[in-house]
Amino acid sequence: MSPKVLTDGLQFPEGPVWAPDGTLYVTEIEGGCIAAIAANGTKRTFASTGGAPNGAALGPDGYLYVTNNGGREPGYIQRIDAQGKVEKLYEQCEGHPFQGPNDLVMDAHGGFYFTDPGPVSREGIKFGHLYYARRDGSQVKRLQYLFYLPNGIALTPDDSTLIVLESVTGRVWAIPIESPGTLAQADAGARSGAPRAWPVSALLTTVPQPAAPDGMCVDAVGNLLICAHNSGVVSVHAPNGTPLSQIVVEDRRLTNCCFGGDDFRTLYITESGLGRVVTVQWERPGLRLHDR
């Protein structure tokens, strides 16, 4: 599984999304734009988002949804049409601005979950938040707030469980979903206003430090492919969290990954340090997302 370079010259690439027409969309955090990359590696600017676009996901409505961390300003959620026209979908929740939306995942019920890490400063780390929003812009709600720098996010193949990565601690959480936008053992504590930690049973696995779990994707049988930033590896874990293997890339600062290609076995990995996208042929297809 030797990685092959698809394209380079990107400005801190993140959030790869493969579209059915064969185009790979990649956010450029430092470029404030979305790049569209063809199968032969040629690239063009698809949309200018401003800010610092981080995660991205394709909706079944054909729009590209982007978690923009805002750079030095408060972040927001954007929606981009097929022509590259950008609009802001959400900037705040119940009067509270987002801190810096990071990553998102679509569900099958017209919505998406997204992470919003808390800031890191000399005073320490503030708790980050997890949100659920409707694609049509009609509703966004905060689900709970006791994560340390929540980052990558994914759904299990049966859509019953939400997987959330914590970059600071290396913890990988598996949180049961009771109904769209409602998570087990979380909302009661949030409504009462009392801080509430996840039970130990929700801890699926950990990625050893100094690696920092960043983005991830899931294959067809539920294995987690976690980009371990600072380590130069994609850490592969079984559905029960057991470490299985590693995919080694040249750049230690890899950020995210997704599946695509005609047989859906091509793994696209973004390397922020070298500004590249590399590909690896995986042993089985990736999980088909709710994008069509």
C-alpha atoms as a PDB file:
ATOM      1  CA  MET A   1       0.000   0.000   0.000  1.00  0.00           C
ATOM      2  CA  SER A   2       2.565   2.561  -1.098  1.00  0.00           C
ATOM      3  CA  PRO A   3       1.014   6.044  -1.368  1.00  0.00           C
ATOM      4  CA  LYS A   4       1.058   7.755  -4.770  1.00  0.00           C
ATOM      5  CA  VAL A   5       1.003  11.525  -5.175  1.00  0.00           C
ATOM      6  CA  LEU A   6      -2.143  12.716  -6.961  1.00  0.00           C
ATOM      7  CA  THR A   7      -1.438  16.456  -6.803  1.00  0.00           C
ATOM      8  CA  ASP A   8       0.594  19.029  -4.875  1.00  0.00           C
ATOM      9  CA  GLY A   9       0.854  22.802  -4.449  1.00  0.00           C
ATOM     10  CA  LEU A  10      -2.141  23.002  -2.089  1.00  0.00           C
ATOM     11  CA  GLN A  11      -2.294  25.452   0.816  1.00  0.00           C
ATOM     12  CA  PHE A  12      -2.886  23.305   3.918  1.00  0.00           C
ATOM     13  CA  PRO A  13      -5.296  20.796   2.358  1.00  0.00           C
ATOM     14  CA  GLU A  14      -8.074  19.237   4.456  1.00  0.00           C
ATOM     15  CA  GLY A  15     -11.634  17.925   4.098  1.00  0.00           C
ATOM     16  CA  PRO A  16     -11.355  15.683   0.999  1.00  0.00           C
ATOM     17  CA  VAL A  17     -14.667  14.787  -0.659  1.00  0.00           C
ATOM     18  CA  TRP A  18     -15.003  12.516  -3.697  1.00  0.00           C
ATOM     19  CA  ALA A  19     -17.937  13.268  -6.000  1.00  0.00           C
ATOM     20  CA  PRO A  20     -19.682  10.726  -8.291  1.00  0.00           C
ATOM     21  CA  ASP A  21     -18.362  12.516 -11.411  1.00  0.00           C
ATOM     22  CA  GLY A  22     -14.812  11.653 -10.327  1.00  0.00           C
ATOM     23  CA  THR A  23     -13.876  15.068  -8.953  1.00  0.00           C
ATOM     24  CA  LEU A  24     -12.088  15.266  -5.622  1.00  0.00           C
ATOM     25  CA  TYR A  25     -12.901  18.427  -3.661  1.00  0.00           C
ATOM     26  CA  VAL A  26     -10.363  19.538  -1.059  1.00  0.00           C
ATOM     27  CA  THR A  27     -10.503  22.488   1.318  1.00  0.00           C
ATOM     28  CA  GLU A  28      -7.443  24.735   1.467  1.00  0.00           C
ATOM     29  CA  ILE A  29      -7.350  26.193   4.974  1.00  0.00           C
ATOM     30  CA  GLU A  30      -4.617  28.720   4.264  1.00  0.00           C
ATOM     31  CA  GLY A  31      -5.933  29.503   0.800  1.00  0.00           C
ATOM     32  CA  GLY A  32      -9.503  30.263   1.859  1.00  0.00           C
ATOM     33  CA  CYS A  33     -10.855  28.201  -1.025  1.00  0.00           C
ATOM     34  CA  ILE A  34     -12.018  24.811  -2.292  1.00  0.00           C
ATOM     35  CA  ALA A  35      -9.916  23.033  -4.894  1.00  0.00           C
ATOM     36  CA  ALA A  36     -11.431  20.683  -7.482  1.00  0.00           C
ATOM     37  CA  ILE A  37      -8.994  17.941  -8.497  1.00  0.00           C
ATOM     38  CA  ALA A  38      -9.519  15.750 -11.562  1.00  0.00           C
ATOM     39  CA  ALA A  39      -8.580  12.067 -11.739  1.00  0.00           C
ATOM     40  CA  ASN A  40      -5.344  12.968 -13.559  1.00  0.00           C
ATOM     41  CA  GLY A  41      -4.300  15.325 -10.757  1.00  0.00           C
ATOM     42  CA  THR A  42      -4.997  18.636 -12.475  1.00  0.00           C
ATOM     43  CA  LYS A  43      -6.617  21.150 -10.140  1.00  0.00           C
ATOM     44  CA  ARG A  44      -8.577  24.378 -10.233  1.00  0.00           C
ATOM     45  CA  THR A  45     -10.215  26.663  -7.703  1.00  0.00           C
ATOM     46  CA  PHE A  46     -13.838  25.605  -7.416  1.00  0.00           C
ATOM     47  CA  ALA A  47     -15.009  28.169  -4.842  1.00  0.00           C
ATOM     48  CA  SER A  48     -13.571  31.019  -2.774  1.00  0.00           C
ATOM     49  CA  THR A  49     -14.885  30.645   0.757  1.00  0.00           C
ATOM     50  CA  GLY A  50     -12.808  33.165   2.672  1.00  0.00           C
ATOM     51  CA  GLY A  51     -11.934  32.403   6.264  1.00  0.00           C
ATOM     52  CA  ALA A  52     -10.353  28.997   6.741  1.00  0.00           C
ATOM     53  CA  PRO A  53     -12.415  26.146   5.242  1.00  0.00           C
ATOM     54  CA  ASN A  54     -11.766  22.962   7.204  1.00  0.00           C
ATOM     55  CA  GLY A  55     -14.116  19.985   6.788  1.00  0.00           C
ATOM     56  CA  ALA A  56     -16.455  19.301   3.880  1.00  0.00           C
ATOM     57  CA  ALA A  57     -19.223  16.882   2.944  1.00  0.00           C
ATOM     58  CA  LEU A  58     -21.373  16.419  -0.133  1.00  0.00           C
ATOM     59  CA  GLY A  59     -25.114  16.404   0.494  1.00  0.00           C
ATOM     60  CA  PRO A  60     -27.674  14.373  -1.473  1.00  0.00           C
ATOM     61  CA  ASP A  61     -29.034  17.707  -2.697  1.00  0.00           C
ATOM     62  CA  GLY A  62     -25.813  18.269  -4.655  1.00  0.00           C
ATOM     63  CA  TYR A  63     -24.506  21.040  -2.398  1.00  0.00           C
ATOM     64  CA  LEU A  64     -21.088  20.940  -0.784  1.00  0.00           C
ATOM     65  CA  TYR A  65     -21.299  21.731   2.936  1.00  0.00           C
ATOM     66  CA  VAL A  66     -18.234  23.239   4.599  1.00  0.00           C
ATOM     67  CA  THR A  67     -17.230  23.772   8.219  1.00  0.00           C
ATOM     68  CA  ASN A  68     -15.216  26.993   8.047  1.00  0.00           C
ATOM     69  CA  ASN A  69     -13.187  27.617  11.207  1.00  0.00           C
ATOM     70  CA  GLY A  70     -13.009  31.310  10.355  1.00  0.00           C
ATOM     71  CA  GLY A  71      -9.272  31.708  10.753  1.00  0.00           C
ATOM     72  CA  ARG A  72      -8.899  34.576  13.220  1.00  0.00           C
ATOM     73  CA  GLU A  73     -12.633  35.309  13.208  1.00  0.00           C
ATOM     74  CA  PRO A  74     -15.574  33.266  14.547  1.00  0.00           C
ATOM     75  CA  GLY A  75     -16.367  30.326  12.292  1.00  0.00           C
ATOM     76  CA  TYR A  76     -19.467  29.377  10.317  1.00  0.00           C
ATOM     77  CA  ILE A  77     -21.115  26.733   8.164  1.00  0.00           C
ATOM     78  CA  GLN A  78     -21.231  27.305   4.397  1.00  0.00           C
ATOM     79  CA  ARG A  79     -23.158  25.745   1.527  1.00  0.00           C
ATOM     80  CA  ILE A  80     -21.798  25.757  -2.028  1.00  0.00           C
ATOM     81  CA  ASP A  81     -23.779  24.964  -5.178  1.00  0.00           C
ATOM     82  CA  ALA A  82     -22.546  23.154  -8.299  1.00  0.00           C
ATOM     83  CA  GLN A  83     -21.357  26.432  -9.855  1.00  0.00           C
ATOM     84  CA  GLY A  84     -19.242  27.350  -6.834  1.00  0.00           C
ATOM     85  CA  LYS A  85     -21.607  29.950  -5.391  1.00  0.00           C
ATOM     86  CA  VAL A  86     -21.044  30.224  -1.634  1.00  0.00           C
ATOM     87  CA  GLU A  87     -23.584  31.113   1.050  1.00  0.00           C
ATOM     88  CA  LYS A  88     -23.425  31.114   4.839  1.00  0.00           C
ATOM     89  CA  LEU A  89     -25.873  28.639   6.302  1.00  0.00           C
ATOM     90  CA  TYR A  90     -25.196  29.047  10.034  1.00  0.00           C
ATOM     91  CA  GLU A  91     -23.049  31.451  12.067  1.00  0.00           C
ATOM     92  CA  GLN A  92     -24.348  30.873  15.589  1.00  0.00           C
ATOM     93  CA  CYS A  93     -26.582  28.752  17.781  1.00  0.00           C
ATOM     94  CA  GLU A  94     -29.125  30.368  20.094  1.00  0.00           C
ATOM     95  CA  GLY A  95     -27.248  33.653  19.962  1.00  0.00           C
ATOM     96  CA  HIS A  96     -23.827  32.134  20.639  1.00  0.00           C
ATOM     97  CA  PRO A  97     -21.277  32.409  17.794  1.00  0.00           C
ATOM     98  CA  PHE A  98     -19.420  29.271  16.783  1.00  0.00           C
ATOM     99  CA  GLN A  99     -15.781  29.100  17.839  1.00  0.00           C
ATOM    100  CA  GLY A 100     -14.275  27.311  14.826  1.00  0.00           C
ATOM    101  CA  PRO A 101     -16.305  24.531  13.166  1.00  0.00           C
ATOM    102  CA  ASN A 102     -13.962  21.737  12.164  1.00  0.00           C
ATOM    103  CA  ASP A 103     -15.543  18.636  10.603  1.00  0.00           C
ATOM    104  CA  LEU A 104     -18.970  17.245   9.693  1.00  0.00           C
ATOM    105  CA  VAL A 105     -20.846  14.144   8.603  1.00  0.00           C
ATOM    106  CA  MET A 106     -24.200  13.832   6.804  1.00  0.00           C
ATOM    107  CA  ASP A 107     -26.963  11.583   8.098  1.00  0.00           C
ATOM    108  CA  ALA A 108     -29.898  10.023   6.211  1.00  0.00           C
ATOM    109  CA  HIS A 109     -32.495  12.331   7.766  1.00  0.00           C
ATOM    110  CA  GLY A 110     -31.792  15.710   6.198  1.00  0.00           C
ATOM    111  CA  GLY A 111     -29.188  16.845   8.678  1.00  0.00           C
ATOM    112  CA  PHE A 112     -25.554  16.680   9.675  1.00  0.00           C
ATOM    113  CA  TYR A 113     -23.431  16.542  12.809  1.00  0.00           C
ATOM    114  CA  PHE A 114     -20.407  18.812  13.196  1.00  0.00           C
ATOM    115  CA  THR A 115     -17.633  19.483  15.703  1.00  0.00           C
ATOM    116  CA  ASP A 116     -16.610  22.887  17.038  1.00  0.00           C
ATOM    117  CA  PRO A 117     -13.386  22.636  19.084  1.00  0.00           C
ATOM    118  CA  GLY A 118     -12.790  24.946  21.998  1.00  0.00           C
ATOM    119  CA  PRO A 119      -9.879  27.400  21.825  1.00  0.00           C
ATOM    120  CA  VAL A 120      -6.445  26.512  23.126  1.00  0.00           C
ATOM    121  CA  SER A 121      -4.646  29.327  24.943  1.00  0.00           C
ATOM    122  CA  ARG A 122      -2.183  29.993  27.759  1.00  0.00           C
ATOM    123  CA  GLU A 123      -5.132  29.712  30.128  1.00  0.00           C
ATOM    124  CA  GLY A 124      -5.774  26.144  29.001  1.00  0.00           C
ATOM    125  CA  ILE A 125      -8.312  24.353  26.837  1.00  0.00           C
ATOM    126  CA  LYS A 126     -11.985  25.196  26.822  1.00  0.00           C
ATOM    127  CA  PHE A 127     -14.529  22.487  26.152  1.00  0.00           C
ATOM    128  CA  GLY A 128     -15.527  22.053  22.528  1.00  0.00           C
ATOM    129  CA  HIS A 129     -19.047  21.499  21.273  1.00  0.00           C
ATOM    130  CA  LEU A 130     -20.949  19.059  19.113  1.00  0.00           C
ATOM    131  CA  TYR A 131     -23.884  20.260  16.990  1.00  0.00           C
ATOM    132  CA  TYR A 132     -26.665  18.895  14.828  1.00  0.00           C
ATOM    133  CA  ALA A 133     -28.039  21.018  11.968  1.00  0.00           C
ATOM    134  CA  ARG A 134     -30.625  20.716   9.208  1.00  0.00           C
ATOM    135  CA  ARG A 135     -29.351  21.045   5.651  1.00  0.00           C
ATOM    136  CA  ASP A 136     -32.126  23.484   4.737  1.00  0.00           C
ATOM    137  CA  GLY A 137     -30.910  26.056   7.268  1.00  0.00           C
ATOM    138  CA  SER A 138     -33.996  25.727   9.496  1.00  0.00           C
ATOM    139  CA  GLN A 139     -32.371  24.486  12.724  1.00  0.00           C
ATOM    140  CA  VAL A 140     -29.083  24.019  14.522  1.00  0.00           C
ATOM    141  CA  LYS A 141     -28.743  22.778  18.089  1.00  0.00           C
ATOM    142  CA  ARG A 142     -25.908  22.021  20.476  1.00  0.00           C
ATOM    143  CA  LEU A 143     -25.888  18.447  21.695  1.00  0.00           C
ATOM    144  CA  GLN A 144     -23.337  18.513  24.533  1.00  0.00           C
ATOM    145  CA  TYR A 145     -20.093  20.220  25.461  1.00  0.00           C
ATOM    146  CA  LEU A 146     -17.680  17.963  27.310  1.00  0.00           C
ATOM    147  CA  PHE A 147     -15.112  17.209  24.623  1.00  0.00           C
ATOM    148  CA  TYR A 148     -11.478  18.281  24.653  1.00  0.00           C
ATOM    149  CA  LEU A 149     -10.823  19.599  21.150  1.00  0.00           C
ATOM    150  CA  PRO A 150     -13.353  17.464  19.225  1.00  0.00           C
ATOM    151  CA  ASN A 151     -12.189  17.060  15.657  1.00  0.00           C
ATOM    152  CA  GLY A 152     -12.962  14.238  13.186  1.00  0.00           C
ATOM    153  CA  ILE A 153     -16.466  12.809  13.074  1.00  0.00           C
ATOM    154  CA  ALA A 154     -18.135   9.858  11.340  1.00  0.00           C
ATOM    155  CA  LEU A 155     -21.128   7.525  11.436  1.00  0.00           C
ATOM    156  CA  THR A 156     -21.017   3.737  11.700  1.00  0.00           C
ATOM    157  CA  PRO A 157     -22.349   1.755   8.705  1.00  0.00           C
ATOM    158  CA  ASP A 158     -25.747   1.172  10.361  1.00  0.00           C
ATOM    159  CA  ASP A 159     -26.059   4.878  11.317  1.00  0.00           C
ATOM    160  CA  SER A 160     -26.656   3.900  14.945  1.00  0.00           C
ATOM    161  CA  THR A 161     -23.489   5.397  16.412  1.00  0.00           C
ATOM    162  CA  LEU A 162     -21.574   8.642  16.085  1.00  0.00           C
ATOM    163  CA  ILE A 163     -17.773   8.450  16.229  1.00  0.00           C
ATOM    164  CA  VAL A 164     -15.953  11.543  17.532  1.00  0.00           C
ATOM    165  CA  LEU A 165     -12.191  12.081  17.808  1.00  0.00           C
ATOM    166  CA  GLU A 166     -10.521  14.208  20.494  1.00  0.00           C
ATOM    167  CA  SER A 167      -7.258  15.627  19.192  1.00  0.00           C
ATOM    168  CA  VAL A 168      -5.754  16.621  22.550  1.00  0.00           C
ATOM    169  CA  THR A 169      -6.401  13.386  24.446  1.00  0.00           C
ATOM    170  CA  GLY A 170      -6.264  10.932  21.534  1.00  0.00           C
ATOM    171  CA  ARG A 171      -9.582   9.440  22.641  1.00  0.00           C
ATOM    172  CA  VAL A 172     -12.081   7.980  20.175  1.00  0.00           C
ATOM    173  CA  TRP A 173     -15.696   8.076  21.375  1.00  0.00           C
ATOM    174  CA  ALA A 174     -18.559   5.905  20.095  1.00  0.00           C
ATOM    175  CA  ILE A 175     -21.853   7.571  21.042  1.00  0.00           C
ATOM    176  CA  PRO A 176     -25.209   5.851  20.443  1.00  0.00           C
ATOM    177  CA  ILE A 177     -27.793   7.869  18.510  1.00  0.00           C
ATOM    178  CA  GLU A 178     -31.324   7.696  19.922  1.00  0.00           C
ATOM    179  CA  SER A 179     -32.915   9.660  17.059  1.00  0.00           C
ATOM    180  CA  PRO A 180     -31.667  12.219  14.508  1.00  0.00           C
ATOM    181  CA  GLY A 181     -29.889  14.917  16.491  1.00  0.00           C
ATOM    182  CA  THR A 182     -30.368  13.195  19.868  1.00  0.00           C
ATOM    183  CA  LEU A 183     -27.535  11.271  21.479  1.00  0.00           C
ATOM    184  CA  ALA A 184     -27.804   8.759  24.291  1.00  0.00           C
ATOM    185  CA  GLN A 185     -26.662   9.802  27.779  1.00  0.00           C
ATOM    186  CA  ALA A 186     -25.867  13.374  26.814  1.00  0.00           C
ATOM    187  CA  ASP A 187     -28.822  15.666  26.324  1.00  0.00           C
ATOM    188  CA  ALA A 188     -30.205  15.302  29.874  1.00  0.00           C
ATOM    189  CA  GLY A 189     -27.011  16.702  31.372  1.00  0.00           C
ATOM    190  CA  ALA A 190     -26.853  19.485  28.822  1.00  0.00           C
ATOM    191  CA  ARG A 191     -30.441  20.561  29.496  1.00  0.00           C
ATOM    192  CA  SER A 192     -29.874  20.741  33.243  1.00  0.00           C
ATOM    193  CA  GLY A 193     -26.826  22.905  32.716  1.00  0.00           C
ATOM    194  CA  ALA A 194     -24.632  20.530  34.722  1.00  0.00           C
ATOM    195  CA  PRO A 195     -21.371  19.358  33.161  1.00  0.00           C
ATOM    196  CA  ARG A 196     -21.537  15.688  32.311  1.00  0.00           C
ATOM    197  CA  ALA A 197     -18.752  13.474  31.065  1.00  0.00           C
ATOM    198  CA  TRP A 198     -19.238  10.507  28.799  1.00  0.00           C
ATOM    199  CA  PRO A 199     -19.326   7.124  30.565  1.00  0.00           C
ATOM    200  CA  VAL A 200     -16.250   4.942  30.185  1.00  0.00           C
ATOM    201  CA  SER A 201     -18.299   2.522  28.051  1.00  0.00           C
ATOM    202  CA  ALA A 202     -18.476   5.136  25.299  1.00  0.00           C
ATOM    203  CA  LEU A 203     -14.681   5.192  24.959  1.00  0.00           C
ATOM    204  CA  LEU A 204     -13.937   3.064  21.900  1.00  0.00           C
ATOM    205  CA  THR A 205     -10.158   3.342  21.673  1.00  0.00           C
ATOM    206  CA  THR A 206      -7.256   5.790  21.851  1.00  0.00           C
ATOM    207  CA  VAL A 207      -4.544   6.925  19.475  1.00  0.00           C
ATOM    208  CA  PRO A 208      -1.263   7.146  21.430  1.00  0.00           C
ATOM    209  CA  GLN A 209       0.323  10.573  21.803  1.00  0.00           C
ATOM    210  CA  PRO A 210       2.115  12.512  20.404  1.00  0.00           C
ATOM    211  CA  ALA A 211      -0.173  11.668  17.498  1.00  0.00           C
ATOM    212  CA  ALA A 212      -3.304  13.820  17.417  1.00  0.00           C
ATOM    213  CA  PRO A 213      -6.390  12.245  15.792  1.00  0.00           C
ATOM    214  CA  ASP A 214      -7.563  14.626  13.081  1.00  0.00           C
ATOM    215  CA  GLY A 215      -9.934  13.506  10.302  1.00  0.00           C
ATOM    216  CA  MET A 216     -11.133   9.998   9.521  1.00  0.00           C
ATOM    217  CA  CYS A 217     -13.252   7.823   7.271  1.00  0.00           C
ATOM    218  CA  VAL A 218     -14.886   4.410   7.571  1.00  0.00           C
ATOM    219  CA  ASP A 219     -14.721   1.404   5.271  1.00  0.00           C
ATOM    220  CA  ALA A 220     -17.643  -0.832   4.277  1.00  0.00           C
ATOM    221  CA  VAL A 221     -17.299  -3.183   7.260  1.00  0.00           C
ATOM    222  CA  GLY A 222     -16.918  -0.388   9.814  1.00  0.00           C
ATOM    223  CA  ASN A 223     -13.149  -0.181  10.242  1.00  0.00           C
ATOM    224  CA  LEU A 224     -12.002   3.313  11.247  1.00  0.00           C
ATOM    225  CA  LEU A 225      -9.179   4.898   9.257  1.00  0.00           C
ATOM    226  CA  ILE A 226      -7.913   7.708  11.494  1.00  0.00           C
ATOM    227  CA  CYS A 227      -5.415  10.308  10.303  1.00  0.00           C
ATOM    228  CA  ALA A 228      -2.971  10.627  13.204  1.00  0.00           C
ATOM    229  CA  HIS A 229      -1.574  14.141  12.787  1.00  0.00           C
ATOM    230  CA  ASN A 230       2.083  14.542  13.876  1.00  0.00           C
ATOM    231  CA  SER A 231       2.759  10.848  13.252  1.00  0.00           C
ATOM    232  CA  GLY A 232       2.614  10.337   9.477  1.00  0.00           C
ATOM    233  CA  VAL A 233       0.265   7.366   9.732  1.00  0.00           C
ATOM    234  CA  VAL A 234      -3.363   6.495   9.133  1.00  0.00           C
ATOM    235  CA  SER A 235      -4.213   4.346  12.141  1.00  0.00           C
ATOM    236  CA  VAL A 236      -6.661   1.566  11.242  1.00  0.00           C
ATOM    237  CA  HIS A 237      -9.000   0.271  13.957  1.00  0.00           C
ATOM    238  CA  ALA A 238     -11.633  -2.476  13.922  1.00  0.00           C
ATOM    239  CA  PRO A 239     -15.265  -1.527  14.651  1.00  0.00           C
ATOM    240  CA  ASN A 240     -14.699  -2.511  18.297  1.00  0.00           C
ATOM    241  CA  GLY A 241     -11.679  -0.195  18.516  1.00  0.00           C
ATOM    242  CA  THR A 242      -8.916  -2.805  18.288  1.00  0.00           C
ATOM    243  CA  PRO A 243      -5.857  -1.429  16.437  1.00  0.00           C
ATOM    244  CA  LEU A 244      -5.298  -3.402  13.216  1.00  0.00           C
ATOM    245  CA  SER A 245      -2.641  -1.755  11.070  1.00  0.00           C
ATOM    246  CA  GLN A 246      -1.117   1.497   9.883  1.00  0.00           C
ATOM    247  CA  ILE A 247      -0.762   3.210   6.537  1.00  0.00           C
ATOM    248  CA  VAL A 248       2.484   5.193   6.474  1.00  0.00           C
ATOM    249  CA  VAL A 249       2.754   8.411   4.449  1.00  0.00           C
ATOM    250  CA  GLU A 250       5.701  10.765   3.923  1.00  0.00           C
ATOM    251  CA  ASP A 251       4.181  13.824   5.598  1.00  0.00           C
ATOM    252  CA  ARG A 252       3.815  13.655   9.376  1.00  0.00           C
ATOM    253  CA  ARG A 253       1.175  16.379   9.211  1.00  0.00           C
ATOM    254  CA  LEU A 254      -1.550  14.434   7.444  1.00  0.00           C
ATOM    255  CA  THR A 255      -5.032  15.804   8.136  1.00  0.00           C
ATOM    256  CA  ASN A 256      -7.934  13.820   6.666  1.00  0.00           C
ATOM    257  CA  CYS A 257      -8.990  11.068   4.286  1.00  0.00           C
ATOM    258  CA  CYS A 258     -11.922   9.809   2.234  1.00  0.00           C
ATOM    259  CA  PHE A 259     -12.821   6.978  -0.132  1.00  0.00           C
ATOM    260  CA  GLY A 260     -13.608   7.287  -3.820  1.00  0.00           C
ATOM    261  CA  GLY A 261     -12.763   5.986  -7.252  1.00  0.00           C
ATOM    262  CA  ASP A 262     -14.732   3.748  -9.591  1.00  0.00           C
ATOM    263  CA  ASP A 263     -14.654   0.790  -7.185  1.00  0.00           C
ATOM    264  CA  PHE A 264     -14.649   3.020  -4.073  1.00  0.00           C
ATOM    265  CA  ARG A 265     -11.401   1.414  -2.911  1.00  0.00           C
ATOM    266  CA  THR A 266      -9.174   4.453  -3.469  1.00  0.00           C
ATOM    267  CA  LEU A 267      -8.222   6.171  -0.230  1.00  0.00           C
ATOM    268  CA  TYR A 268      -7.438   9.880  -0.665  1.00  0.00           C
ATOM    269  CA  ILE A 269      -5.235  11.374   2.070  1.00  0.00           C
ATOM    270  CA  THR A 270      -4.488  15.080   2.537  1.00  0.00           C
ATOM    271  CA  GLU A 271      -0.980  16.077   3.644  1.00  0.00           C
ATOM    272  CA  SER A 272      -0.933  19.599   5.066  1.00  0.00           C
ATOM    273  CA  GLY A 273       2.817  19.961   5.512  1.00  0.00           C
ATOM    274  CA  LEU A 274       3.710  19.053   1.925  1.00  0.00           C
ATOM    275  CA  GLY A 275       0.497  20.478   0.454  1.00  0.00           C
ATOM    276  CA  ARG A 276      -0.403  17.250  -1.327  1.00  0.00           C
ATOM    277  CA  VAL A 277      -3.076  14.655  -1.857  1.00  0.00           C
ATOM    278  CA  VAL A 278      -1.821  11.077  -1.974  1.00  0.00           C
ATOM    279  CA  THR A 279      -3.752   7.907  -2.780  1.00  0.00           C
ATOM    280  CA  VAL A 280      -3.653   4.337  -1.506  1.00  0.00           C
ATOM    281  CA  GLN A 281      -5.582   1.327  -2.803  1.00  0.00           C
ATOM    282  CA  TRP A 282      -7.506  -0.142   0.126  1.00  0.00           C
ATOM    283  CA  GLU A 283      -8.330  -3.828   0.582  1.00  0.00           C
ATOM    284  CA  ARG A 284     -12.097  -3.270   0.501  1.00  0.00           C
ATOM    285  CA  PRO A 285     -14.533  -0.512  -0.533  1.00  0.00           C
ATOM    286  CA  GLY A 286     -15.156   2.461   1.666  1.00  0.00           C
ATOM    287  CA  LEU A 287     -18.483   3.147   3.340  1.00  0.00           C
ATOM    288  CA  ARG A 288     -20.955   4.777   0.975  1.00  0.00           C
ATOM    289  CA  LEU A 289     -21.930   8.130   2.464  1.00  0.00           C
ATOM    290  CA  HIS A 290     -25.294   9.900   2.492  1.00  0.00           C
ATOM    291  CA  ASP A 291     -24.373  12.040  -0.498  1.00  0.00           C
ATOM    292  CA  ARG A 292     -26.656  10.628  -3.154  1.00  0.00           C
END
